[in-house]
Amino acid sequence: MWLRAAGLVGQSLALGGAAFALVVLPRARTAAALAPGHHLAVRLAGAGALVVAVAELGLLACLAGAFADASGWPAGALLGTTVGAVGLARATLAILAAVAAGVLCRAPAARAAAAALAGTAVLLPVTSALVSHATSRPGGAAWLVAVGALHQAAVGTWVGGLVCAVMLGARAVPEAGAWLRAFSRLATGAVVVLAATGIALAVAYVPTPAAAIGTSYGVMVLTKAALFGALLVMGGLNHRAVRTASPSPAGALLLRRRLEVEAGLALVTILLAASIGSAPPAADAGARQVSADQIRAMLVPRWPRLHSPTLDELAAGAALNDPLSPRAAEDIAWSEFGHNVAGLFIIAIGALVILEQSRRARWARHWPLLFIGLTVFVAYNMDPEGWQTGIVGFWSHLLDPEVLQHKILLCLTALFGLGEWRLRNGGRPGAPWAYVLPVVSIASGIVLISHTHLVSDAHSAFFMELSHLAMGLISLVVGWARWLELRLPAPESRIPGRVWGPALAMFGVLLVLYRES
């Protein structure tokens, strides 16, 4: 999934960079504005293409390794399949795009290289659609492949262009107003295509409201729609600001900061799309679909679980070394206990953040130290089949992708607390430590949204997915609000500064309400 996500991000950068260099910047009209921006956009397109090539070759290697036997890797058989052939074609196209970008960097007027970059960049979303859910539909669905290709092309044009806009804005490329207005028109068209094709794909893959709220695929699509709504709001504000003839320095700075958030959220949405691609469509869920009554019963608030089975009881009652076995009551109780107690820590931290911001209690600035206690507790409670019970060896444990994601979250939690405490006790406001909280929150949100669960029980997996998606969205709110608070001058920073503390407390509430039974 992560390789697929990298490929989708690289594809967007390649297509968006090519569109920016070949469509947007030529409308800036002056060589002074065109030259530095063109070079940067082409380099971004080339870098994105190289990411696609590496990701596709990595995917092929993973697939070949998965089907290897005593005779070796079945490379020939793999390349004889649609997935293998398309993967090799995508890697070839990406390498050609990178070569064309390199030629354009040295000779911006080379028309053949420009045509090659444009052609290969456009073919990347087309080939990606050939190995999507569309090709696995009964009887084949050519129209779904076409709609999927248009959808990915619109995503690349918009998201890759946003990244270009952020990079050009940071480097203060001349005539920003001219190329921003040109990009705004291109982005508007891409968003319209994106919305139309997204609706068509959602109708095909999520045929009923029950499927939308009762399957992992459905709730991930709803989460993607929520992120798209936030992007539309941010994009609308930026579109209106771009139309201002001569914005003030403060207005131009606010526009650049909002572009950063818009580009960041767009990249997160692409990562979520990669996660959606790894789940079976809601239309194929069948008996795995959770009913509305089950969802209502699960959402009824319940007093948090403040006690758990002992390690001996857990080891005896649950098959901790087999994630595909049915989950025992002891395993569920252990997981709920961990989530609920961690939620109490986070609620306390959020309350202290709000108290600190009120300036009524100076001692509240030490709230990051609570993350030390949280990290110790989570390290004990998380993945008890490891060092706690010794059922699975340390290195074997790390080979489990779910465990690895948990360890990453644990490290992020520790960094979160250390960075913020350092900032509040002698650190400079503009020091790198200040950005630990937003970066860690955003990274945590990405991991939660794209988190995979190796659980055989479809209903347990669904409720895990539902809770983690909600927590991932709130984590993104915390991160981007804190990011804007740090990046904007007063008084514009006041509103985002008042958002992330309550959002952190809400994250804790979701953990306290977390249930698997």
Protein backbone atom coordinates (compact mmCIF):
# COMPACT_ATOMS: atom_id res chain seq x y z
CA MET A 1 0.00 0.00 0.00
CA TRP A 2 2.80 2.40 0.85
CA LEU A 3 4.51 1.70 -2.47
CA ARG A 4 1.23 2.34 -4.25
CA ALA A 5 0.82 5.57 -2.27
CA ALA A 6 4.32 6.67 -3.26
CA GLY A 7 3.50 5.90 -6.89
CA LEU A 8 0.30 7.97 -6.76
CA VAL A 9 2.11 10.91 -5.12
CA GLY A 10 4.94 10.74 -7.68
CA GLN A 11 2.40 10.51 -10.51
CA SER A 12 0.67 13.66 -9.25
CA LEU A 13 3.95 15.54 -8.99
CA ALA A 14 4.94 14.45 -12.50
CA LEU A 15 1.64 15.43 -14.08
CA GLY A 16 1.18 18.60 -12.04
CA GLY A 17 4.75 19.73 -12.61
CA ALA A 18 4.43 19.14 -16.35
CA ALA A 19 1.12 21.02 -16.48
CA PHE A 20 2.62 23.91 -14.52
CA ALA A 21 5.69 24.15 -16.73
CA LEU A 22 3.94 23.70 -20.07
CA VAL A 23 0.52 25.30 -19.48
CA VAL A 24 0.54 27.65 -16.51
CA LEU A 25 3.91 29.43 -16.56
CA PRO A 26 3.91 30.34 -20.28
CA ARG A 27 1.01 32.66 -19.47
CA ALA A 28 3.26 34.69 -17.16
CA ARG A 29 4.39 36.44 -20.40
CA THR A 30 7.86 37.54 -19.30
CA ALA A 31 11.10 35.57 -19.40
CA ALA A 32 12.03 36.84 -15.94
CA ALA A 33 9.01 35.08 -14.46
CA LEU A 34 9.11 32.07 -16.76
CA ALA A 35 12.73 30.91 -16.48
CA PRO A 36 13.14 30.16 -12.73
CA GLY A 37 9.60 28.83 -12.38
CA HIS A 38 9.90 26.63 -15.46
CA HIS A 39 13.12 25.08 -14.16
CA LEU A 40 11.60 24.33 -10.76
CA ALA A 41 8.38 22.86 -12.18
CA VAL A 42 10.26 20.62 -14.63
CA ARG A 43 12.57 19.39 -11.89
CA LEU A 44 9.56 18.58 -9.73
CA ALA A 45 7.99 16.65 -12.62
CA GLY A 46 11.21 14.70 -13.11
CA ALA A 47 11.53 13.92 -9.41
CA GLY A 48 7.92 12.73 -9.31
CA ALA A 49 8.51 10.49 -12.31
CA LEU A 50 11.53 8.91 -10.62
CA VAL A 51 9.40 8.21 -7.54
CA VAL A 52 6.88 6.43 -9.78
CA ALA A 53 9.62 4.32 -11.37
CA VAL A 54 11.07 3.25 -8.02
CA ALA A 55 7.61 2.53 -6.58
CA GLU A 56 6.55 0.41 -9.57
CA LEU A 57 9.77 -1.60 -9.59
CA GLY A 58 9.38 -2.08 -5.84
CA LEU A 59 5.82 -3.33 -6.32
CA LEU A 60 6.96 -5.82 -8.95
CA ALA A 61 9.73 -7.04 -6.66
CA CYS A 62 7.26 -7.46 -3.77
CA LEU A 63 4.83 -9.42 -5.93
CA ALA A 64 7.57 -11.64 -7.34
CA GLY A 65 8.91 -12.29 -3.84
CA ALA A 66 5.44 -13.12 -2.53
CA PHE A 67 5.01 -15.86 -5.16
CA ALA A 68 8.59 -17.14 -5.03
CA ASP A 69 9.20 -20.84 -4.49
CA ALA A 70 12.16 -23.22 -4.50
CA SER A 71 12.78 -22.48 -8.17
CA GLY A 72 13.15 -18.76 -7.53
CA TRP A 73 11.14 -15.66 -8.36
CA PRO A 74 8.46 -16.16 -11.07
CA ALA A 75 9.48 -13.01 -12.95
CA GLY A 76 8.36 -14.31 -16.33
CA ALA A 77 4.95 -15.41 -15.08
CA LEU A 78 4.49 -12.10 -13.27
CA LEU A 79 5.25 -10.01 -16.35
CA GLY A 80 2.74 -12.13 -18.27
CA THR A 81 -0.08 -10.85 -16.06
CA THR A 82 -1.90 -7.53 -16.43
CA VAL A 83 -0.47 -6.27 -13.16
CA GLY A 84 3.08 -7.19 -14.14
CA ALA A 85 2.87 -5.83 -17.67
CA VAL A 86 1.26 -2.57 -16.59
CA GLY A 87 3.75 -2.15 -13.75
CA LEU A 88 6.67 -2.54 -16.14
CA ALA A 89 5.04 -0.13 -18.60
CA ARG A 90 4.52 2.46 -15.86
CA ALA A 91 8.14 2.19 -14.75
CA THR A 92 9.26 2.64 -18.38
CA LEU A 93 6.99 5.65 -18.90
CA ALA A 94 8.22 7.20 -15.66
CA ILE A 95 11.86 6.79 -16.66
CA LEU A 96 11.13 8.38 -20.05
CA ALA A 97 9.38 11.27 -18.31
CA ALA A 98 12.37 11.78 -16.02
CA VAL A 99 14.73 11.80 -19.01
CA ALA A 100 12.53 14.31 -20.84
CA ALA A 101 12.46 16.51 -17.74
CA GLY A 102 16.25 16.41 -17.56
CA VAL A 103 16.51 17.52 -21.19
CA LEU A 104 14.03 20.36 -20.59
CA CYS A 105 16.03 21.57 -17.60
CA ARG A 106 19.06 22.04 -19.86
CA ALA A 107 17.15 23.18 -22.96
CA PRO A 108 13.80 24.79 -22.00
CA ALA A 109 12.92 25.40 -25.67
CA ALA A 110 13.24 21.73 -26.68
CA ARG A 111 9.81 20.97 -28.14
CA ALA A 112 10.39 17.23 -28.52
CA ALA A 113 11.31 16.92 -24.85
CA ALA A 114 8.27 18.98 -23.85
CA ALA A 115 6.00 16.73 -25.93
CA ALA A 116 7.61 13.62 -24.44
CA LEU A 117 7.16 14.91 -20.89
CA ALA A 118 3.53 15.83 -21.54
CA GLY A 119 2.73 12.51 -23.22
CA THR A 120 4.34 10.28 -20.63
CA ALA A 121 2.89 12.28 -17.73
CA VAL A 122 -0.62 11.92 -19.16
CA LEU A 123 -0.17 8.18 -19.72
CA LEU A 124 0.73 7.58 -16.07
CA PRO A 125 -2.85 8.01 -14.72
CA VAL A 126 -4.18 6.02 -17.69
CA THR A 127 -1.96 3.03 -16.88
CA SER A 128 -2.73 3.36 -13.17
CA ALA A 129 -6.45 3.00 -13.91
CA LEU A 130 -5.71 -0.26 -15.75
CA VAL A 131 -4.77 -1.95 -12.47
CA SER A 132 -7.51 -0.41 -10.33
CA HIS A 133 -10.72 -1.97 -9.04
CA ALA A 134 -12.32 -1.16 -12.42
CA THR A 135 -10.55 -4.00 -14.24
CA SER A 136 -11.68 -6.57 -11.67
CA ARG A 137 -15.40 -5.88 -12.07
CA PRO A 138 -17.49 -8.79 -13.42
CA GLY A 139 -17.54 -8.63 -17.20
CA GLY A 140 -15.05 -5.78 -17.25
CA ALA A 141 -16.02 -2.13 -17.09
CA ALA A 142 -14.19 -0.04 -19.69
CA TRP A 143 -16.12 3.05 -18.69
CA LEU A 144 -14.88 2.70 -15.09
CA VAL A 145 -11.30 2.52 -16.35
CA ALA A 146 -11.84 5.70 -18.39
CA VAL A 147 -13.50 7.51 -15.48
CA GLY A 148 -10.73 6.36 -13.14
CA ALA A 149 -8.06 7.64 -15.54
CA LEU A 150 -9.79 11.05 -15.76
CA HIS A 151 -10.12 11.13 -11.97
CA GLN A 152 -6.42 10.47 -11.42
CA ALA A 153 -5.43 12.95 -14.13
CA ALA A 154 -7.51 15.67 -12.45
CA VAL A 155 -5.96 14.81 -9.09
CA GLY A 156 -2.45 15.05 -10.52
CA THR A 157 -3.09 18.34 -12.28
CA TRP A 158 -4.51 19.92 -9.15
CA VAL A 159 -2.31 18.43 -6.43
CA GLY A 160 0.96 18.53 -8.34
CA GLY A 161 0.18 22.10 -9.36
CA LEU A 162 -0.48 23.03 -5.73
CA VAL A 163 2.93 21.70 -4.72
CA CYS A 164 4.48 23.76 -7.52
CA ALA A 165 2.61 26.85 -6.36
CA VAL A 166 3.85 26.39 -2.79
CA MET A 167 7.46 25.93 -3.93
CA LEU A 168 7.34 28.92 -6.28
CA GLY A 169 5.73 31.05 -3.60
CA ALA A 170 8.45 30.12 -1.11
CA ARG A 171 11.12 31.17 -3.63
CA ALA A 172 9.34 34.43 -4.51
CA VAL A 173 9.33 33.82 -8.27
CA PRO A 174 8.48 37.09 -10.10
CA GLU A 175 4.97 37.91 -11.34
CA ALA A 176 3.33 35.62 -8.83
CA GLY A 177 -0.08 37.12 -9.54
CA ALA A 178 0.03 36.19 -13.23
CA TRP A 179 0.93 32.52 -12.82
CA LEU A 180 -1.27 32.11 -9.75
CA ARG A 181 -4.30 33.33 -11.70
CA ALA A 182 -3.43 31.00 -14.58
CA PHE A 183 -3.08 28.07 -12.18
CA SER A 184 -6.34 29.01 -10.44
CA ARG A 185 -8.22 28.64 -13.74
CA LEU A 186 -6.56 25.29 -14.46
CA ALA A 187 -7.20 24.07 -10.91
CA THR A 188 -10.87 25.05 -11.11
CA GLY A 189 -11.32 22.92 -14.21
CA ALA A 190 -9.46 20.02 -12.59
CA VAL A 191 -11.64 20.22 -9.47
CA VAL A 192 -14.83 20.11 -11.55
CA VAL A 193 -13.59 16.98 -13.37
CA LEU A 194 -12.42 15.51 -10.06
CA ALA A 195 -15.81 16.01 -8.41
CA ALA A 196 -17.78 14.61 -11.37
CA THR A 197 -15.62 11.51 -11.77
CA GLY A 198 -15.46 10.99 -8.01
CA ILE A 199 -19.24 10.90 -7.80
CA ALA A 200 -19.41 8.42 -10.69
CA LEU A 201 -16.85 6.11 -9.05
CA ALA A 202 -18.56 6.37 -5.67
CA VAL A 203 -21.92 5.39 -7.16
CA ALA A 204 -20.33 2.37 -8.85
CA TYR A 205 -18.34 1.12 -5.87
CA VAL A 206 -20.63 2.25 -3.00
CA PRO A 207 -24.11 1.56 -4.41
CA THR A 208 -26.22 2.20 -1.29
CA PRO A 209 -26.14 4.42 1.82
CA ALA A 210 -25.96 1.24 3.92
CA ALA A 211 -22.80 0.22 2.07
CA ALA A 212 -21.35 3.70 2.66
CA ILE A 213 -21.69 3.51 6.44
CA GLY A 214 -21.39 -0.25 6.93
CA THR A 215 -18.11 -1.13 5.17
CA SER A 216 -14.50 -0.09 5.58
CA TYR A 217 -14.42 0.94 1.93
CA GLY A 218 -17.53 3.08 2.37
CA VAL A 219 -16.32 4.96 5.44
CA MET A 220 -12.95 5.57 3.78
CA VAL A 221 -14.76 7.08 0.79
CA LEU A 222 -16.79 9.28 3.18
CA THR A 223 -13.55 10.35 4.86
CA LYS A 224 -12.08 11.18 1.48
CA ALA A 225 -15.21 13.23 0.71
CA ALA A 226 -14.75 15.11 4.01
CA LEU A 227 -11.13 15.92 3.12
CA PHE A 228 -12.27 17.00 -0.35
CA GLY A 229 -14.82 19.33 1.27
CA ALA A 230 -12.10 20.90 3.41
CA LEU A 231 -9.96 21.29 0.30
CA LEU A 232 -12.83 23.01 -1.53
CA VAL A 233 -13.23 25.50 1.30
CA MET A 234 -9.49 26.21 1.39
CA GLY A 235 -9.30 26.34 -2.40
CA GLY A 236 -12.26 28.72 -2.57
CA LEU A 237 -10.58 31.11 -0.13
CA ASN A 238 -7.35 30.94 -2.11
CA HIS A 239 -9.19 31.40 -5.43
CA ARG A 240 -10.83 34.57 -4.13
CA ALA A 241 -7.51 35.86 -2.78
CA VAL A 242 -5.78 35.22 -6.13
CA ARG A 243 -8.40 37.39 -7.85
CA THR A 244 -7.32 40.37 -5.75
CA ALA A 245 -5.48 42.76 -8.07
CA SER A 246 -2.71 43.77 -5.64
CA PRO A 247 -2.93 42.02 -2.28
CA SER A 248 -1.24 43.55 0.75
CA PRO A 249 1.91 41.89 2.09
CA ALA A 250 -0.18 40.41 4.90
CA GLY A 251 -2.74 39.11 2.39
CA ALA A 252 -0.02 37.59 0.20
CA LEU A 253 1.52 35.86 3.23
CA LEU A 254 -1.88 34.49 4.28
CA LEU A 255 -2.41 33.16 0.74
CA ARG A 256 0.96 31.36 0.77
CA ARG A 257 0.23 29.77 4.15
CA ARG A 258 -3.20 28.60 3.05
CA LEU A 259 -1.66 27.13 -0.11
CA GLU A 260 0.68 25.13 2.14
CA VAL A 261 -2.29 23.68 4.02
CA GLU A 262 -4.23 23.01 0.81
CA ALA A 263 -1.28 21.18 -0.75
CA GLY A 264 -0.64 19.20 2.42
CA LEU A 265 -4.27 18.09 2.76
CA ALA A 266 -4.33 17.15 -0.92
CA LEU A 267 -1.31 14.88 -0.49
CA VAL A 268 -2.96 13.27 2.56
CA THR A 269 -6.04 12.61 0.43
CA ILE A 270 -3.88 10.80 -2.13
CA LEU A 271 -2.48 8.58 0.63
CA LEU A 272 -6.04 7.80 1.71
CA ALA A 273 -6.87 6.94 -1.91
CA ALA A 274 -4.05 4.39 -1.87
CA SER A 275 -5.53 2.86 1.28
CA ILE A 276 -8.96 2.74 -0.37
CA GLY A 277 -7.41 0.89 -3.31
CA SER A 278 -6.25 -1.85 -0.94
CA ALA A 279 -9.79 -2.53 0.36
CA PRO A 280 -12.50 -4.49 -1.47
CA PRO A 281 -15.24 -2.20 -2.90
CA ALA A 282 -18.34 -1.80 -0.77
CA ALA A 283 -20.37 -3.25 -3.64
CA ASP A 284 -18.59 -6.58 -3.06
CA ALA A 285 -18.81 -6.58 0.75
CA GLY A 286 -21.70 -9.06 1.01
CA ALA A 287 -21.88 -10.56 4.49
CA ARG A 288 -18.97 -8.39 5.64
CA GLN A 289 -21.24 -5.33 5.64
CA VAL A 290 -22.12 -4.12 9.15
CA SER A 291 -25.79 -3.33 9.75
CA ALA A 292 -27.13 0.01 10.94
CA ASP A 293 -28.36 -1.60 14.18
CA GLN A 294 -24.87 -2.88 14.93
CA ILE A 295 -23.40 0.56 14.28
CA ARG A 296 -25.96 2.25 16.55
CA ALA A 297 -25.29 -0.27 19.32
CA MET A 298 -21.55 0.29 19.02
CA LEU A 299 -21.87 4.10 19.15
CA VAL A 300 -23.83 4.16 22.40
CA PRO A 301 -21.52 5.87 24.96
CA ARG A 302 -20.16 3.56 27.63
CA TRP A 303 -18.04 4.10 30.73
CA PRO A 304 -14.37 3.64 29.78
CA ARG A 305 -12.70 0.34 30.58
CA LEU A 306 -10.24 1.05 33.40
CA HIS A 307 -9.19 -2.52 34.10
CA SER A 308 -7.72 -5.19 31.87
CA PRO A 309 -6.85 -8.88 31.91
CA THR A 310 -3.45 -9.80 33.30
CA LEU A 311 -0.70 -10.74 30.89
CA ASP A 312 -1.09 -14.38 31.89
CA GLU A 313 -4.85 -14.28 31.26
CA LEU A 314 -4.27 -12.56 27.94
CA ALA A 315 -1.64 -15.08 26.81
CA ALA A 316 -3.84 -18.00 27.82
CA GLY A 317 -7.09 -16.74 26.31
CA ALA A 318 -6.04 -15.03 23.09
CA ALA A 319 -4.10 -16.30 20.07
CA LEU A 320 -1.77 -13.31 20.09
CA ASN A 321 0.62 -14.76 17.51
CA ASP A 322 -2.14 -15.32 14.91
CA PRO A 323 -3.82 -12.09 13.77
CA LEU A 324 -6.17 -14.05 11.48
CA SER A 325 -7.69 -16.09 14.32
CA PRO A 326 -11.00 -14.96 15.93
CA ARG A 327 -10.40 -12.27 18.55
CA ALA A 328 -10.88 -13.52 22.11
CA ALA A 329 -12.68 -11.53 24.81
CA GLU A 330 -9.36 -11.00 26.62
CA ASP A 331 -7.76 -9.55 23.49
CA ILE A 332 -10.65 -7.12 22.94
CA ALA A 333 -10.67 -6.08 26.61
CA TRP A 334 -6.91 -5.43 26.52
CA SER A 335 -7.24 -3.26 23.38
CA GLU A 336 -10.20 -1.27 24.73
CA PHE A 337 -8.40 -0.69 28.04
CA GLY A 338 -5.37 0.68 26.24
CA HIS A 339 -7.36 3.03 24.03
CA ASN A 340 -9.58 4.28 26.88
CA VAL A 341 -6.76 5.03 29.32
CA ALA A 342 -4.73 6.74 26.58
CA GLY A 343 -7.83 8.87 25.92
CA LEU A 344 -7.87 10.06 29.54
CA PHE A 345 -4.24 11.18 29.15
CA ILE A 346 -5.09 13.10 25.95
CA ILE A 347 -8.17 14.76 27.48
CA ALA A 348 -6.02 15.97 30.39
CA ILE A 349 -3.41 17.28 27.96
CA GLY A 350 -6.03 19.10 25.86
CA ALA A 351 -7.53 20.68 28.98
CA LEU A 352 -4.12 21.92 30.10
CA VAL A 353 -3.42 23.34 26.63
CA ILE A 354 -6.66 25.35 26.83
CA LEU A 355 -5.76 26.46 30.36
CA GLU A 356 -2.29 27.55 29.24
CA GLN A 357 -3.72 29.55 26.35
CA SER A 358 -6.07 31.33 28.75
CA ARG A 359 -2.93 32.69 30.55
CA ARG A 360 -4.52 31.93 33.94
CA ALA A 361 -2.11 29.21 35.04
CA ARG A 362 1.54 29.47 34.04
CA TRP A 363 2.25 25.99 35.43
CA ALA A 364 0.00 24.50 32.74
CA ARG A 365 2.81 25.03 30.21
CA HIS A 366 4.32 21.75 31.46
CA TRP A 367 1.49 19.76 29.87
CA PRO A 368 3.87 18.09 27.37
CA LEU A 369 5.37 16.09 30.25
CA LEU A 370 2.16 14.08 30.37
CA PHE A 371 3.27 12.57 27.08
CA ILE A 372 6.09 10.82 28.96
CA GLY A 373 3.54 8.93 31.04
CA LEU A 374 1.42 8.29 27.96
CA THR A 375 4.39 6.90 26.03
CA VAL A 376 5.31 4.53 28.87
CA PHE A 377 1.75 3.29 29.16
CA VAL A 378 1.29 2.81 25.41
CA ALA A 379 4.63 0.97 25.15
CA TYR A 380 3.37 -1.49 27.79
CA ASN A 381 -0.12 -1.92 26.36
CA MET A 382 0.65 -1.98 22.65
CA ASP A 383 1.09 -5.33 20.86
CA PRO A 384 1.37 -7.53 23.98
CA GLU A 385 2.46 -10.57 21.98
CA GLY A 386 5.92 -8.97 21.86
CA TRP A 387 8.26 -8.27 24.77
CA GLN A 388 5.40 -8.22 27.32
CA THR A 389 4.54 -11.92 26.91
CA GLY A 390 7.45 -13.09 24.73
CA ILE A 391 5.17 -15.04 22.39
CA VAL A 392 6.70 -13.36 19.31
CA GLY A 393 10.40 -12.50 19.05
CA PHE A 394 11.51 -8.88 18.82
CA TRP A 395 12.74 -8.89 15.21
CA SER A 396 9.92 -11.14 13.99
CA HIS A 397 7.52 -8.73 15.64
CA LEU A 398 8.86 -5.77 13.66
CA LEU A 399 8.20 -7.61 10.39
CA ASP A 400 4.46 -7.25 11.04
CA PRO A 401 3.35 -4.06 9.19
CA GLU A 402 0.69 -3.27 11.80
CA VAL A 403 3.22 -3.55 14.63
CA LEU A 404 5.67 -1.38 12.71
CA GLN A 405 3.02 1.33 12.31
CA HIS A 406 2.33 1.12 16.06
CA LYS A 407 6.02 1.58 16.84
CA ILE A 408 6.13 4.61 14.54
CA LEU A 409 3.16 6.13 16.38
CA LEU A 410 4.91 5.47 19.69
CA CYS A 411 8.06 7.31 18.54
CA LEU A 412 5.90 10.17 17.25
CA THR A 413 4.19 10.43 20.63
CA ALA A 414 7.53 10.78 22.40
CA LEU A 415 8.74 13.40 19.91
CA PHE A 416 5.48 15.27 20.31
CA GLY A 417 5.98 15.75 24.04
CA LEU A 418 9.74 16.44 23.98
CA GLY A 419 9.43 19.05 21.24
CA GLU A 420 6.62 21.00 22.88
CA TRP A 421 8.15 20.92 26.36
CA ARG A 422 11.47 22.17 24.94
CA LEU A 423 9.64 25.00 23.19
CA ARG A 424 7.85 26.11 26.36
CA ASN A 425 10.95 25.99 28.55
CA GLY A 426 13.62 28.10 26.93
CA GLY A 427 13.11 27.32 23.25
CA ARG A 428 12.77 30.10 20.68
CA PRO A 429 9.28 30.45 19.10
CA GLY A 430 10.77 30.13 15.62
CA ALA A 431 13.08 27.21 16.46
CA PRO A 432 12.68 23.85 14.68
CA TRP A 433 11.33 22.37 17.94
CA ALA A 434 8.20 24.46 17.44
CA TYR A 435 7.26 22.42 14.36
CA VAL A 436 7.48 19.04 16.08
CA LEU A 437 3.85 19.19 17.25
CA PRO A 438 2.27 20.03 13.87
CA VAL A 439 4.53 17.68 11.91
CA VAL A 440 3.96 14.80 14.34
CA SER A 441 0.21 15.43 14.44
CA ILE A 442 0.00 15.44 10.65
CA ALA A 443 2.15 12.31 10.40
CA SER A 444 0.01 10.60 13.04
CA GLY A 445 -3.12 11.56 11.13
CA ILE A 446 -1.67 10.05 7.96
CA VAL A 447 -0.77 6.80 9.74
CA LEU A 448 -4.22 6.57 11.37
CA ILE A 449 -6.04 7.22 8.11
CA SER A 450 -3.98 4.72 6.14
CA HIS A 451 -3.67 2.22 9.02
CA THR A 452 -4.14 -1.44 8.10
CA HIS A 453 -5.57 -4.06 10.45
CA LEU A 454 -4.70 -7.76 10.19
CA VAL A 455 -7.94 -8.98 11.74
CA SER A 456 -10.06 -11.85 10.43
CA ASP A 457 -13.32 -10.56 11.97
CA ALA A 458 -14.74 -8.11 9.42
CA HIS A 459 -16.93 -6.38 12.02
CA SER A 460 -14.03 -5.75 14.43
CA ALA A 461 -11.90 -4.50 11.54
CA PHE A 462 -14.71 -2.15 10.47
CA PHE A 463 -15.08 -0.56 13.91
CA MET A 464 -11.31 -0.18 14.20
CA GLU A 465 -11.29 1.51 10.80
CA LEU A 466 -14.18 3.79 11.73
CA SER A 467 -12.57 5.00 14.96
CA HIS A 468 -9.11 5.39 13.46
CA LEU A 469 -10.43 7.42 10.52
CA ALA A 470 -12.21 9.83 12.88
CA MET A 471 -9.09 10.16 15.04
CA GLY A 472 -6.96 10.65 11.94
CA LEU A 473 -9.11 13.55 10.76
CA ILE A 474 -8.94 15.24 14.17
CA SER A 475 -5.19 14.69 14.30
CA LEU A 476 -4.92 16.51 10.97
CA VAL A 477 -6.97 19.39 12.39
CA VAL A 478 -4.59 19.61 15.36
CA GLY A 479 -1.52 19.57 13.12
CA TRP A 480 -2.61 22.05 10.48
CA ALA A 481 -4.14 24.46 13.02
CA ARG A 482 -0.88 24.51 14.97
CA TRP A 483 1.04 24.88 11.68
CA LEU A 484 -0.97 27.98 10.75
CA GLU A 485 -0.56 29.39 14.24
CA LEU A 486 3.21 29.17 13.86
CA ARG A 487 3.34 30.37 10.26
CA LEU A 488 0.97 33.34 10.47
CA PRO A 489 1.59 36.66 12.21
CA ALA A 490 -0.83 38.06 14.77
CA PRO A 491 -3.77 38.58 14.70
CA GLU A 492 -4.31 36.03 11.89
CA SER A 493 -2.71 33.29 14.02
CA ARG A 494 -5.22 33.71 16.85
CA ILE A 495 -8.06 31.61 15.41
CA PRO A 496 -5.99 28.53 14.46
CA GLY A 497 -4.21 28.88 17.80
CA ARG A 498 -7.52 28.47 19.60
CA VAL A 499 -8.53 25.42 17.53
CA TRP A 500 -5.90 22.78 18.14
CA GLY A 501 -6.25 22.56 21.95
CA PRO A 502 -9.98 21.66 21.90
CA ALA A 503 -9.33 19.37 18.91
CA LEU A 504 -6.71 17.54 20.96
CA ALA A 505 -9.24 17.08 23.77
CA MET A 506 -11.78 15.77 21.24
CA PHE A 507 -9.18 13.25 20.08
CA GLY A 508 -8.99 12.04 23.68
CA VAL A 509 -12.78 11.77 23.88
CA LEU A 510 -12.79 9.48 20.83
CA LEU A 511 -10.17 7.29 22.49
CA VAL A 512 -12.22 7.12 25.70
CA LEU A 513 -15.27 6.06 23.69
CA TYR A 514 -13.29 3.51 21.65
CA ARG A 515 -14.93 0.08 21.55
CA GLU A 516 -14.47 -3.20 19.74
CA SER A 517 -17.32 -5.08 21.37
